[in-house]
């Protein structure tokens, strides 16, 4: 449970990404929001939100992977490299 901060941060960033994808760009810095045209807000939110969501999901997946032992990771690596174990 030493990586719980990574899980919490990943979930938080994922939620922010989902909010942005839905078109609410209020979580983006005001300097950047001012430069987005009104008609481009949904597209901008979708692009920024998708990137933010990818970062958040990566942190959550990193947390999940941190529980696997080196033996399991070695097995997964052997499957990928050899095709069969």
C-alpha atoms as a PDB file:
ATOM      1  CA  UNK A   1       0.000   0.000   0.000  1.00  0.00           C
ATOM      2  CA  UNK A   2       2.996   2.297  -0.293  1.00  0.00           C
ATOM      3  CA  UNK A   3       1.795   3.520  -3.697  1.00  0.00           C
ATOM      4  CA  UNK A   4      -1.670   4.593  -2.545  1.00  0.00           C
ATOM      5  CA  UNK A   5      -0.839   8.217  -3.391  1.00  0.00           C
ATOM      6  CA  UNK A   6      -0.326   7.166  -7.004  1.00  0.00           C
ATOM      7  CA  UNK A   7      -3.784   5.540  -7.053  1.00  0.00           C
ATOM      8  CA  UNK A   8      -5.488   8.575  -5.515  1.00  0.00           C
ATOM      9  CA  UNK A   9      -3.735  10.940  -7.922  1.00  0.00           C
ATOM     10  CA  UNK A  10      -4.599   8.698 -10.876  1.00  0.00           C
ATOM     11  CA  UNK A  11      -8.288   8.591  -9.973  1.00  0.00           C
ATOM     12  CA  UNK A  12      -8.366  12.366  -9.418  1.00  0.00           C
ATOM     13  CA  UNK A  13      -6.663  13.106 -12.745  1.00  0.00           C
ATOM     14  CA  UNK A  14      -8.988  10.652 -14.529  1.00  0.00           C
ATOM     15  CA  UNK A  15     -12.040  12.432 -13.108  1.00  0.00           C
ATOM     16  CA  UNK A  16     -10.663  15.799 -14.248  1.00  0.00           C
ATOM     17  CA  UNK A  17     -10.110  14.298 -17.713  1.00  0.00           C
ATOM     18  CA  UNK A  18     -13.703  13.066 -17.889  1.00  0.00           C
ATOM     19  CA  UNK A  19     -14.968  16.493 -16.820  1.00  0.00           C
ATOM     20  CA  UNK A  20     -12.924  18.114 -19.591  1.00  0.00           C
ATOM     21  CA  UNK A  21     -14.114  15.618 -22.194  1.00  0.00           C
ATOM     22  CA  UNK A  22     -17.703  16.541 -21.368  1.00  0.00           C
ATOM     23  CA  UNK A  23     -16.931  20.138 -22.377  1.00  0.00           C
ATOM     24  CA  UNK A  24     -16.317  21.745 -18.995  1.00  0.00           C
ATOM     25  CA  UNK A  25     -12.899  23.370 -19.327  1.00  0.00           C
ATOM     26  CA  UNK A  26     -13.054  25.232 -16.011  1.00  0.00           C
ATOM     27  CA  UNK A  27     -10.239  23.053 -14.637  1.00  0.00           C
ATOM     28  CA  UNK A  28      -7.834  24.389 -17.287  1.00  0.00           C
ATOM     29  CA  UNK A  29      -5.728  27.439 -16.443  1.00  0.00           C
ATOM     30  CA  UNK A  30      -7.493  30.735 -17.208  1.00  0.00           C
ATOM     31  CA  UNK A  31      -4.652  31.887 -19.475  1.00  0.00           C
ATOM     32  CA  UNK A  32      -5.378  28.979 -21.810  1.00  0.00           C
ATOM     33  CA  UNK A  33      -9.184  29.176 -21.486  1.00  0.00           C
ATOM     34  CA  UNK A  34      -9.225  32.811 -22.630  1.00  0.00           C
ATOM     35  CA  UNK A  35      -7.564  31.889 -25.912  1.00  0.00           C
ATOM     36  CA  UNK A  36     -10.148  29.271 -26.905  1.00  0.00           C
ATOM     37  CA  UNK A  37     -12.949  30.432 -29.183  1.00  0.00           C
ATOM     38  CA  UNK A  38     -16.470  29.725 -27.960  1.00  0.00           C
ATOM     39  CA  UNK A  39     -17.201  27.333 -30.833  1.00  0.00           C
ATOM     40  CA  UNK A  40     -13.956  25.406 -30.196  1.00  0.00           C
ATOM     41  CA  UNK A  41     -14.582  24.723 -26.502  1.00  0.00           C
ATOM     42  CA  UNK A  42     -16.095  21.212 -27.011  1.00  0.00           C
ATOM     43  CA  UNK A  43     -13.227  20.130 -29.290  1.00  0.00           C
ATOM     44  CA  UNK A  44     -10.608  21.656 -27.004  1.00  0.00           C
ATOM     45  CA  UNK A  45     -12.141  19.987 -23.951  1.00  0.00           C
ATOM     46  CA  UNK A  46     -12.220  16.636 -25.718  1.00  0.00           C
ATOM     47  CA  UNK A  47      -8.560  16.801 -26.742  1.00  0.00           C
ATOM     48  CA  UNK A  48      -7.249  18.071 -23.405  1.00  0.00           C
ATOM     49  CA  UNK A  49      -9.546  15.728 -21.482  1.00  0.00           C
ATOM     50  CA  UNK A  50      -8.408  12.708 -23.475  1.00  0.00           C
ATOM     51  CA  UNK A  51      -4.768  13.462 -22.724  1.00  0.00           C
ATOM     52  CA  UNK A  52      -5.534  14.021 -19.056  1.00  0.00           C
ATOM     53  CA  UNK A  53      -7.544  10.800 -18.887  1.00  0.00           C
ATOM     54  CA  UNK A  54      -4.664   8.836 -20.437  1.00  0.00           C
ATOM     55  CA  UNK A  55      -2.296  10.185 -17.784  1.00  0.00           C
ATOM     56  CA  UNK A  56      -4.742   9.312 -14.998  1.00  0.00           C
ATOM     57  CA  UNK A  57      -5.367   5.796 -16.288  1.00  0.00           C
ATOM     58  CA  UNK A  58      -1.621   5.264 -16.630  1.00  0.00           C
ATOM     59  CA  UNK A  59      -1.137   6.112 -12.963  1.00  0.00           C
ATOM     60  CA  UNK A  60      -3.933   3.750 -11.911  1.00  0.00           C
ATOM     61  CA  UNK A  61      -2.469   0.970 -14.061  1.00  0.00           C
ATOM     62  CA  UNK A  62       0.961   1.676 -12.585  1.00  0.00           C
ATOM     63  CA  UNK A  63      -0.536   1.208  -9.134  1.00  0.00           C
ATOM     64  CA  UNK A  64      -2.090  -2.116 -10.163  1.00  0.00           C
ATOM     65  CA  UNK A  65       1.126  -3.351 -11.768  1.00  0.00           C
ATOM     66  CA  UNK A  66       3.111  -2.472  -8.629  1.00  0.00           C
ATOM     67  CA  UNK A  67       1.374  -5.376  -6.835  1.00  0.00           C
ATOM     68  CA  UNK A  68       2.678  -7.972  -9.261  1.00  0.00           C
ATOM     69  CA  UNK A  69       5.781  -9.831  -8.239  1.00  0.00           C
ATOM     70  CA  UNK A  70       8.859 -10.079 -10.428  1.00  0.00           C
ATOM     71  CA  UNK A  71       8.040 -13.730 -11.125  1.00  0.00           C
ATOM     72  CA  UNK A  72       4.682 -12.880 -12.674  1.00  0.00           C
ATOM     73  CA  UNK A  73       6.228 -10.045 -14.672  1.00  0.00           C
ATOM     74  CA  UNK A  74       8.897 -12.477 -15.899  1.00  0.00           C
ATOM     75  CA  UNK A  75       6.163 -14.866 -17.023  1.00  0.00           C
ATOM     76  CA  UNK A  76       4.369 -12.102 -18.912  1.00  0.00           C
ATOM     77  CA  UNK A  77       7.645 -11.059 -20.535  1.00  0.00           C
ATOM     78  CA  UNK A  78       8.359 -14.659 -21.563  1.00  0.00           C
ATOM     79  CA  UNK A  79       4.971 -14.936 -23.260  1.00  0.00           C
ATOM     80  CA  UNK A  80       5.529 -11.744 -25.193  1.00  0.00           C
ATOM     81  CA  UNK A  81       9.047 -12.673 -26.294  1.00  0.00           C
ATOM     82  CA  UNK A  82       8.711 -16.406 -26.941  1.00  0.00           C
ATOM     83  CA  UNK A  83       5.044 -16.662 -27.856  1.00  0.00           C
ATOM     84  CA  UNK A  84       4.726 -19.715 -25.601  1.00  0.00           C
ATOM     85  CA  UNK A  85       6.153 -20.535 -22.235  1.00  0.00           C
END
